[in-house]
């Protein structure tokens, strides 16, 4: 699932074929309709959201906006090369880093559709629309030329949180963007071998642990203290008793 990462997703928005910022709303609707209309299966109905990518020319401030569907959001856990090499400690930290503007550098100049020349730029991701269930993929398996390893650092995640700060149009956002934790998939082992288990909310305040065919009761503390590999959150409008 590493192909869903931010770095690879970013490549889809670096070309000159993005929409002009003045027509971003209509383009977003057109793109969303096209992507959502491709499949009407239950997976797409529940898990598909829309990611917005804004590339800003550093010479003229022209904005190129593109939209891509997503089925999960892959979040880096390692140290960054910017901002003091900060390592995320919480799910919110990961999302803030994911949606932070990133300078692409002189080696990744793009041809600006406004000033018609290759310029340095910044890229920023935001969430245009959210699905009924958001799946967060914590990238615990790191592959590089020097080392392959599993990142086992603890990432704190909330029972409930508001996604509004990460939306594309925060001021004009409408609707309820509060989400509640529904399930957590955990991996026990190394990068080469291991075993998967899951915590699932059975009722409003009841959790169970799924370990192959063995199903046992679990406490909320057990869930929140687990390592976390996949985190599933559902919209609060889907809450049940």
C-alpha atoms as a PDB file:
ATOM      1  CA  UNK A   1       0.000   0.000   0.000  1.00  0.00           C
ATOM      2  CA  UNK A   2       3.018   2.279  -0.024  1.00  0.00           C
ATOM      3  CA  UNK A   3       2.040   3.446  -3.531  1.00  0.00           C
ATOM      4  CA  UNK A   4      -0.678   5.537  -1.891  1.00  0.00           C
ATOM      5  CA  UNK A   5       1.967   7.728  -0.201  1.00  0.00           C
ATOM      6  CA  UNK A   6       2.038  11.501  -0.278  1.00  0.00           C
ATOM      7  CA  UNK A   7       5.205  11.614  -2.364  1.00  0.00           C
ATOM      8  CA  UNK A   8       3.733   9.488  -5.121  1.00  0.00           C
ATOM      9  CA  UNK A   9       0.365  11.197  -4.968  1.00  0.00           C
ATOM     10  CA  UNK A  10       2.170  14.506  -5.389  1.00  0.00           C
ATOM     11  CA  UNK A  11       3.487  13.525  -8.804  1.00  0.00           C
ATOM     12  CA  UNK A  12      -0.001  13.664 -10.286  1.00  0.00           C
ATOM     13  CA  UNK A  13      -0.237  17.410  -9.681  1.00  0.00           C
ATOM     14  CA  UNK A  14       3.123  18.710 -10.865  1.00  0.00           C
ATOM     15  CA  UNK A  15       2.312  18.984 -14.552  1.00  0.00           C
ATOM     16  CA  UNK A  16       0.932  21.985 -16.353  1.00  0.00           C
ATOM     17  CA  UNK A  17      -2.475  20.437 -16.932  1.00  0.00           C
ATOM     18  CA  UNK A  18      -4.037  21.583 -13.668  1.00  0.00           C
ATOM     19  CA  UNK A  19      -7.039  23.855 -13.491  1.00  0.00           C
ATOM     20  CA  UNK A  20      -6.800  27.594 -12.883  1.00  0.00           C
ATOM     21  CA  UNK A  21      -7.686  28.616  -9.344  1.00  0.00           C
ATOM     22  CA  UNK A  22     -10.530  30.833 -10.571  1.00  0.00           C
ATOM     23  CA  UNK A  23     -12.390  27.790 -11.893  1.00  0.00           C
ATOM     24  CA  UNK A  24     -11.368  25.354  -9.168  1.00  0.00           C
ATOM     25  CA  UNK A  25     -14.879  24.925  -7.759  1.00  0.00           C
ATOM     26  CA  UNK A  26     -16.503  23.939 -11.044  1.00  0.00           C
ATOM     27  CA  UNK A  27     -13.531  21.767 -11.936  1.00  0.00           C
ATOM     28  CA  UNK A  28     -13.702  20.062  -8.563  1.00  0.00           C
ATOM     29  CA  UNK A  29     -17.337  19.184  -9.113  1.00  0.00           C
ATOM     30  CA  UNK A  30     -16.634  17.902 -12.606  1.00  0.00           C
ATOM     31  CA  UNK A  31     -13.684  15.818 -11.476  1.00  0.00           C
ATOM     32  CA  UNK A  32     -15.552  14.491  -8.475  1.00  0.00           C
ATOM     33  CA  UNK A  33     -18.514  13.448 -10.601  1.00  0.00           C
ATOM     34  CA  UNK A  34     -16.207  11.733 -13.078  1.00  0.00           C
ATOM     35  CA  UNK A  35     -14.266   9.823 -10.430  1.00  0.00           C
ATOM     36  CA  UNK A  36     -17.247   8.867  -8.313  1.00  0.00           C
ATOM     37  CA  UNK A  37     -19.174   7.778 -11.390  1.00  0.00           C
ATOM     38  CA  UNK A  38     -16.568   5.238 -12.447  1.00  0.00           C
ATOM     39  CA  UNK A  39     -17.637   2.658  -9.884  1.00  0.00           C
ATOM     40  CA  UNK A  40     -20.751   2.234  -7.794  1.00  0.00           C
ATOM     41  CA  UNK A  41     -19.484  -0.643  -5.657  1.00  0.00           C
ATOM     42  CA  UNK A  42     -19.866  -0.620  -1.890  1.00  0.00           C
ATOM     43  CA  UNK A  43     -16.124   0.034  -1.370  1.00  0.00           C
ATOM     44  CA  UNK A  44     -16.197   3.228  -3.446  1.00  0.00           C
ATOM     45  CA  UNK A  45     -19.441   4.401  -1.851  1.00  0.00           C
ATOM     46  CA  UNK A  46     -17.977   4.094   1.645  1.00  0.00           C
ATOM     47  CA  UNK A  47     -14.252   4.845   1.290  1.00  0.00           C
ATOM     48  CA  UNK A  48     -13.792   7.276  -1.628  1.00  0.00           C
ATOM     49  CA  UNK A  49     -12.865  10.891  -0.902  1.00  0.00           C
ATOM     50  CA  UNK A  50     -11.315  13.667  -2.998  1.00  0.00           C
ATOM     51  CA  UNK A  51      -7.787  15.049  -2.542  1.00  0.00           C
ATOM     52  CA  UNK A  52      -6.956  18.579  -3.715  1.00  0.00           C
ATOM     53  CA  UNK A  53      -3.418  19.515  -4.780  1.00  0.00           C
ATOM     54  CA  UNK A  54      -2.450  23.185  -5.188  1.00  0.00           C
ATOM     55  CA  UNK A  55       0.835  24.000  -6.932  1.00  0.00           C
ATOM     56  CA  UNK A  56       1.802  27.680  -6.528  1.00  0.00           C
ATOM     57  CA  UNK A  57       4.350  29.330  -8.831  1.00  0.00           C
ATOM     58  CA  UNK A  58       6.948  31.222  -6.773  1.00  0.00           C
ATOM     59  CA  UNK A  59       7.410  33.806  -9.543  1.00  0.00           C
ATOM     60  CA  UNK A  60       3.837  34.930 -10.235  1.00  0.00           C
ATOM     61  CA  UNK A  61       1.812  33.168  -7.501  1.00  0.00           C
ATOM     62  CA  UNK A  62      -0.260  31.447 -10.162  1.00  0.00           C
ATOM     63  CA  UNK A  63      -2.093  28.398  -8.826  1.00  0.00           C
ATOM     64  CA  UNK A  64      -2.575  25.092 -10.607  1.00  0.00           C
ATOM     65  CA  UNK A  65      -5.169  22.896  -8.896  1.00  0.00           C
ATOM     66  CA  UNK A  66      -5.797  19.219  -9.521  1.00  0.00           C
ATOM     67  CA  UNK A  67      -8.107  16.686  -7.895  1.00  0.00           C
ATOM     68  CA  UNK A  68      -7.628  12.985  -7.306  1.00  0.00           C
ATOM     69  CA  UNK A  69      -9.805  10.382  -5.583  1.00  0.00           C
ATOM     70  CA  UNK A  70      -8.412   8.552  -2.568  1.00  0.00           C
ATOM     71  CA  UNK A  71      -9.425   5.404  -0.741  1.00  0.00           C
ATOM     72  CA  UNK A  72      -7.020   5.829   2.149  1.00  0.00           C
ATOM     73  CA  UNK A  73      -4.584   8.473   3.376  1.00  0.00           C
ATOM     74  CA  UNK A  74      -0.988   7.275   3.784  1.00  0.00           C
ATOM     75  CA  UNK A  75       0.933   9.157   6.471  1.00  0.00           C
ATOM     76  CA  UNK A  76       4.724   9.259   6.934  1.00  0.00           C
ATOM     77  CA  UNK A  77       6.095   8.510  10.400  1.00  0.00           C
ATOM     78  CA  UNK A  78       9.809   9.125   9.875  1.00  0.00           C
ATOM     79  CA  UNK A  79      11.761  12.305  10.517  1.00  0.00           C
ATOM     80  CA  UNK A  80      11.420  15.089   7.969  1.00  0.00           C
ATOM     81  CA  UNK A  81      14.378  16.807   6.323  1.00  0.00           C
ATOM     82  CA  UNK A  82      12.697  20.163   7.011  1.00  0.00           C
ATOM     83  CA  UNK A  83      11.189  21.846  10.086  1.00  0.00           C
ATOM     84  CA  UNK A  84      14.009  20.605  12.311  1.00  0.00           C
ATOM     85  CA  UNK A  85      13.591  16.932  11.521  1.00  0.00           C
ATOM     86  CA  UNK A  86      10.415  16.674  13.589  1.00  0.00           C
ATOM     87  CA  UNK A  87       9.036  13.186  14.172  1.00  0.00           C
ATOM     88  CA  UNK A  88       5.230  13.019  14.484  1.00  0.00           C
ATOM     89  CA  UNK A  89       3.831  11.889  17.824  1.00  0.00           C
ATOM     90  CA  UNK A  90       0.101  11.921  17.094  1.00  0.00           C
ATOM     91  CA  UNK A  91      -2.297  11.328  14.221  1.00  0.00           C
ATOM     92  CA  UNK A  92      -2.944  15.084  14.158  1.00  0.00           C
ATOM     93  CA  UNK A  93       0.820  15.704  13.774  1.00  0.00           C
ATOM     94  CA  UNK A  94       0.832  13.360  10.782  1.00  0.00           C
ATOM     95  CA  UNK A  95      -2.125  15.121   9.159  1.00  0.00           C
ATOM     96  CA  UNK A  96      -0.615  18.568   9.748  1.00  0.00           C
ATOM     97  CA  UNK A  97       2.577  17.450   8.052  1.00  0.00           C
ATOM     98  CA  UNK A  98       0.625  15.840   5.195  1.00  0.00           C
ATOM     99  CA  UNK A  99      -1.280  19.069   4.472  1.00  0.00           C
ATOM    100  CA  UNK A 100       1.655  21.473   5.009  1.00  0.00           C
ATOM    101  CA  UNK A 101       2.915  23.430   1.972  1.00  0.00           C
ATOM    102  CA  UNK A 102       6.086  21.841   0.589  1.00  0.00           C
ATOM    103  CA  UNK A 103       8.758  23.621  -1.452  1.00  0.00           C
ATOM    104  CA  UNK A 104       9.530  21.450  -4.474  1.00  0.00           C
ATOM    105  CA  UNK A 105      13.024  22.894  -5.041  1.00  0.00           C
ATOM    106  CA  UNK A 106      15.039  23.865  -8.094  1.00  0.00           C
ATOM    107  CA  UNK A 107      15.359  20.254  -9.256  1.00  0.00           C
ATOM    108  CA  UNK A 108      11.584  19.961  -9.656  1.00  0.00           C
ATOM    109  CA  UNK A 109      10.670  23.111 -11.568  1.00  0.00           C
ATOM    110  CA  UNK A 110       7.350  23.076 -13.388  1.00  0.00           C
ATOM    111  CA  UNK A 111       6.140  25.049 -16.381  1.00  0.00           C
ATOM    112  CA  UNK A 112       3.757  27.653 -15.027  1.00  0.00           C
ATOM    113  CA  UNK A 113       0.621  28.000 -17.147  1.00  0.00           C
ATOM    114  CA  UNK A 114       0.432  31.710 -16.230  1.00  0.00           C
ATOM    115  CA  UNK A 115       3.966  33.029 -16.800  1.00  0.00           C
ATOM    116  CA  UNK A 116       4.765  30.317 -19.407  1.00  0.00           C
ATOM    117  CA  UNK A 117       8.196  29.473 -17.981  1.00  0.00           C
ATOM    118  CA  UNK A 118       9.747  26.859 -15.709  1.00  0.00           C
ATOM    119  CA  UNK A 119       9.699  28.088 -12.126  1.00  0.00           C
ATOM    120  CA  UNK A 120      10.166  26.797  -8.602  1.00  0.00           C
ATOM    121  CA  UNK A 121       6.907  26.137  -6.804  1.00  0.00           C
ATOM    122  CA  UNK A 122       5.245  24.919  -3.641  1.00  0.00           C
ATOM    123  CA  UNK A 123       2.733  22.102  -3.386  1.00  0.00           C
ATOM    124  CA  UNK A 124       0.049  21.702  -0.770  1.00  0.00           C
ATOM    125  CA  UNK A 125      -2.471  18.921  -0.248  1.00  0.00           C
ATOM    126  CA  UNK A 126      -5.891  19.370   1.328  1.00  0.00           C
ATOM    127  CA  UNK A 127      -9.056  17.305   1.550  1.00  0.00           C
ATOM    128  CA  UNK A 128     -11.761  18.429  -0.844  1.00  0.00           C
ATOM    129  CA  UNK A 129     -14.386  15.879   0.189  1.00  0.00           C
ATOM    130  CA  UNK A 130     -14.432  13.158   2.823  1.00  0.00           C
ATOM    131  CA  UNK A 131     -15.915   9.667   2.583  1.00  0.00           C
ATOM    132  CA  UNK A 132     -18.256   8.086   5.100  1.00  0.00           C
ATOM    133  CA  UNK A 133     -15.315   6.104   6.481  1.00  0.00           C
ATOM    134  CA  UNK A 134     -11.761   7.489   6.385  1.00  0.00           C
ATOM    135  CA  UNK A 135      -8.908   4.981   6.422  1.00  0.00           C
ATOM    136  CA  UNK A 136      -5.541   6.271   7.661  1.00  0.00           C
ATOM    137  CA  UNK A 137      -2.520   4.173   6.699  1.00  0.00           C
ATOM    138  CA  UNK A 138       0.448   4.735   9.020  1.00  0.00           C
ATOM    139  CA  UNK A 139       3.546   3.988   6.947  1.00  0.00           C
ATOM    140  CA  UNK A 140       5.391   1.735   9.370  1.00  0.00           C
ATOM    141  CA  UNK A 141       7.381  -0.117   6.712  1.00  0.00           C
ATOM    142  CA  UNK A 142      10.285   1.952   5.419  1.00  0.00           C
ATOM    143  CA  UNK A 143      12.251   0.912   2.342  1.00  0.00           C
ATOM    144  CA  UNK A 144      15.377   2.794   1.283  1.00  0.00           C
ATOM    145  CA  UNK A 145      18.708   2.183  -0.413  1.00  0.00           C
ATOM    146  CA  UNK A 146      20.373   1.956   3.003  1.00  0.00           C
ATOM    147  CA  UNK A 147      17.905   0.054   5.151  1.00  0.00           C
ATOM    148  CA  UNK A 148      14.561  -1.717   5.270  1.00  0.00           C
ATOM    149  CA  UNK A 149      12.886  -1.419   8.651  1.00  0.00           C
ATOM    150  CA  UNK A 150       9.636  -1.330  10.543  1.00  0.00           C
ATOM    151  CA  UNK A 151       8.863   1.899  12.429  1.00  0.00           C
ATOM    152  CA  UNK A 152       7.374   0.824  15.760  1.00  0.00           C
ATOM    153  CA  UNK A 153       7.112   4.251  17.405  1.00  0.00           C
ATOM    154  CA  UNK A 154       3.858   4.918  19.241  1.00  0.00           C
ATOM    155  CA  UNK A 155       1.462   7.287  17.472  1.00  0.00           C
ATOM    156  CA  UNK A 156      -1.332   8.623  19.645  1.00  0.00           C
ATOM    157  CA  UNK A 157      -4.738   8.681  17.965  1.00  0.00           C
ATOM    158  CA  UNK A 158      -8.004  10.134  19.306  1.00  0.00           C
ATOM    159  CA  UNK A 159     -11.378   8.494  19.821  1.00  0.00           C
ATOM    160  CA  UNK A 160     -13.011  11.440  18.063  1.00  0.00           C
ATOM    161  CA  UNK A 161     -11.723  14.479  16.172  1.00  0.00           C
ATOM    162  CA  UNK A 162     -12.732  17.239  13.763  1.00  0.00           C
ATOM    163  CA  UNK A 163     -11.303  17.130  10.212  1.00  0.00           C
ATOM    164  CA  UNK A 164     -12.273  20.743   9.391  1.00  0.00           C
ATOM    165  CA  UNK A 165      -8.672  22.135   9.688  1.00  0.00           C
ATOM    166  CA  UNK A 166      -7.566  19.832   6.869  1.00  0.00           C
ATOM    167  CA  UNK A 167     -10.355  20.670   4.424  1.00  0.00           C
ATOM    168  CA  UNK A 168      -9.670  22.649   1.226  1.00  0.00           C
ATOM    169  CA  UNK A 169     -12.236  25.352   1.974  1.00  0.00           C
ATOM    170  CA  UNK A 170     -12.168  25.767   5.733  1.00  0.00           C
ATOM    171  CA  UNK A 171     -14.081  29.063   5.793  1.00  0.00           C
ATOM    172  CA  UNK A 172     -16.771  27.867   3.391  1.00  0.00           C
ATOM    173  CA  UNK A 173     -16.877  24.304   4.663  1.00  0.00           C
ATOM    174  CA  UNK A 174     -20.364  23.057   5.374  1.00  0.00           C
ATOM    175  CA  UNK A 175     -21.489  19.867   7.023  1.00  0.00           C
ATOM    176  CA  UNK A 176     -20.191  17.888   9.946  1.00  0.00           C
ATOM    177  CA  UNK A 177     -16.542  16.835   9.690  1.00  0.00           C
ATOM    178  CA  UNK A 178     -16.355  15.122  13.066  1.00  0.00           C
ATOM    179  CA  UNK A 179     -15.222  11.508  12.914  1.00  0.00           C
ATOM    180  CA  UNK A 180     -15.162   8.702  15.487  1.00  0.00           C
ATOM    181  CA  UNK A 181     -12.794   5.769  15.760  1.00  0.00           C
ATOM    182  CA  UNK A 182     -14.340   2.543  14.494  1.00  0.00           C
ATOM    183  CA  UNK A 183     -11.492   0.045  14.005  1.00  0.00           C
ATOM    184  CA  UNK A 184      -7.718  -0.345  14.380  1.00  0.00           C
ATOM    185  CA  UNK A 185      -5.578  -2.889  12.526  1.00  0.00           C
ATOM    186  CA  UNK A 186      -2.272  -3.774  14.213  1.00  0.00           C
ATOM    187  CA  UNK A 187       0.836  -5.578  12.974  1.00  0.00           C
ATOM    188  CA  UNK A 188       2.997  -7.584  15.364  1.00  0.00           C
ATOM    189  CA  UNK A 189       6.426  -8.575  14.082  1.00  0.00           C
ATOM    190  CA  UNK A 190       9.149  -7.265  11.806  1.00  0.00           C
ATOM    191  CA  UNK A 191       9.306  -5.952   8.264  1.00  0.00           C
ATOM    192  CA  UNK A 192       9.882  -9.522   7.045  1.00  0.00           C
ATOM    193  CA  UNK A 193       7.312 -11.441   9.039  1.00  0.00           C
ATOM    194  CA  UNK A 194       4.452 -10.887  11.441  1.00  0.00           C
ATOM    195  CA  UNK A 195       0.790 -11.235  12.308  1.00  0.00           C
ATOM    196  CA  UNK A 196      -2.222  -8.930  11.938  1.00  0.00           C
ATOM    197  CA  UNK A 197      -4.955  -8.395  14.521  1.00  0.00           C
ATOM    198  CA  UNK A 198      -7.770  -5.866  14.741  1.00  0.00           C
ATOM    199  CA  UNK A 199      -9.834  -4.003  17.307  1.00  0.00           C
ATOM    200  CA  UNK A 200     -13.398  -3.299  16.146  1.00  0.00           C
ATOM    201  CA  UNK A 201     -16.123  -1.333  17.865  1.00  0.00           C
ATOM    202  CA  UNK A 202     -19.047  -3.706  18.234  1.00  0.00           C
ATOM    203  CA  UNK A 203     -21.439  -1.255  19.866  1.00  0.00           C
ATOM    204  CA  UNK A 204     -21.143   2.378  20.926  1.00  0.00           C
ATOM    205  CA  UNK A 205     -18.973   1.632  23.967  1.00  0.00           C
ATOM    206  CA  UNK A 206     -18.001  -1.984  23.321  1.00  0.00           C
ATOM    207  CA  UNK A 207     -14.830  -3.155  21.597  1.00  0.00           C
ATOM    208  CA  UNK A 208     -13.709  -6.603  20.490  1.00  0.00           C
ATOM    209  CA  UNK A 209     -10.303  -7.943  19.463  1.00  0.00           C
ATOM    210  CA  UNK A 210     -10.158 -10.088  16.328  1.00  0.00           C
ATOM    211  CA  UNK A 211      -7.194 -12.479  16.212  1.00  0.00           C
ATOM    212  CA  UNK A 212      -7.852 -14.903  13.359  1.00  0.00           C
ATOM    213  CA  UNK A 213     -10.903 -16.916  14.466  1.00  0.00           C
ATOM    214  CA  UNK A 214     -10.562 -15.880  18.134  1.00  0.00           C
ATOM    215  CA  UNK A 215     -12.846 -12.991  19.145  1.00  0.00           C
ATOM    216  CA  UNK A 216     -12.468 -11.550  22.655  1.00  0.00           C
ATOM    217  CA  UNK A 217     -13.735  -8.485  24.488  1.00  0.00           C
ATOM    218  CA  UNK A 218     -11.360  -5.500  24.681  1.00  0.00           C
ATOM    219  CA  UNK A 219     -11.217  -2.227  26.590  1.00  0.00           C
ATOM    220  CA  UNK A 220     -10.919   1.224  25.056  1.00  0.00           C
ATOM    221  CA  UNK A 221      -7.523   1.619  26.758  1.00  0.00           C
ATOM    222  CA  UNK A 222      -6.259  -1.488  24.974  1.00  0.00           C
ATOM    223  CA  UNK A 223      -7.340   0.029  21.677  1.00  0.00           C
ATOM    224  CA  UNK A 224      -5.754   3.439  22.297  1.00  0.00           C
ATOM    225  CA  UNK A 225      -2.503   1.931  23.600  1.00  0.00           C
ATOM    226  CA  UNK A 226      -2.048  -0.311  20.562  1.00  0.00           C
ATOM    227  CA  UNK A 227       0.595   0.463  17.942  1.00  0.00           C
ATOM    228  CA  UNK A 228      -1.806   1.126  15.076  1.00  0.00           C
ATOM    229  CA  UNK A 229      -1.195   0.372  11.399  1.00  0.00           C
ATOM    230  CA  UNK A 230      -4.577   1.135   9.825  1.00  0.00           C
ATOM    231  CA  UNK A 231      -7.028   3.478  11.571  1.00  0.00           C
ATOM    232  CA  UNK A 232     -10.672   3.622  10.493  1.00  0.00           C
ATOM    233  CA  UNK A 233     -12.867   6.593  11.428  1.00  0.00           C
ATOM    234  CA  UNK A 234     -16.527   7.043  10.498  1.00  0.00           C
ATOM    235  CA  UNK A 235     -18.588  10.209  10.239  1.00  0.00           C
ATOM    236  CA  UNK A 236     -20.476  10.955  13.413  1.00  0.00           C
ATOM    237  CA  UNK A 237     -23.733  11.045  11.468  1.00  0.00           C
ATOM    238  CA  UNK A 238     -23.350   7.248  11.245  1.00  0.00           C
ATOM    239  CA  UNK A 239     -23.243   6.886  15.022  1.00  0.00           C
ATOM    240  CA  UNK A 240     -25.322   4.140  16.556  1.00  0.00           C
ATOM    241  CA  UNK A 241     -26.493   3.235  20.030  1.00  0.00           C
END
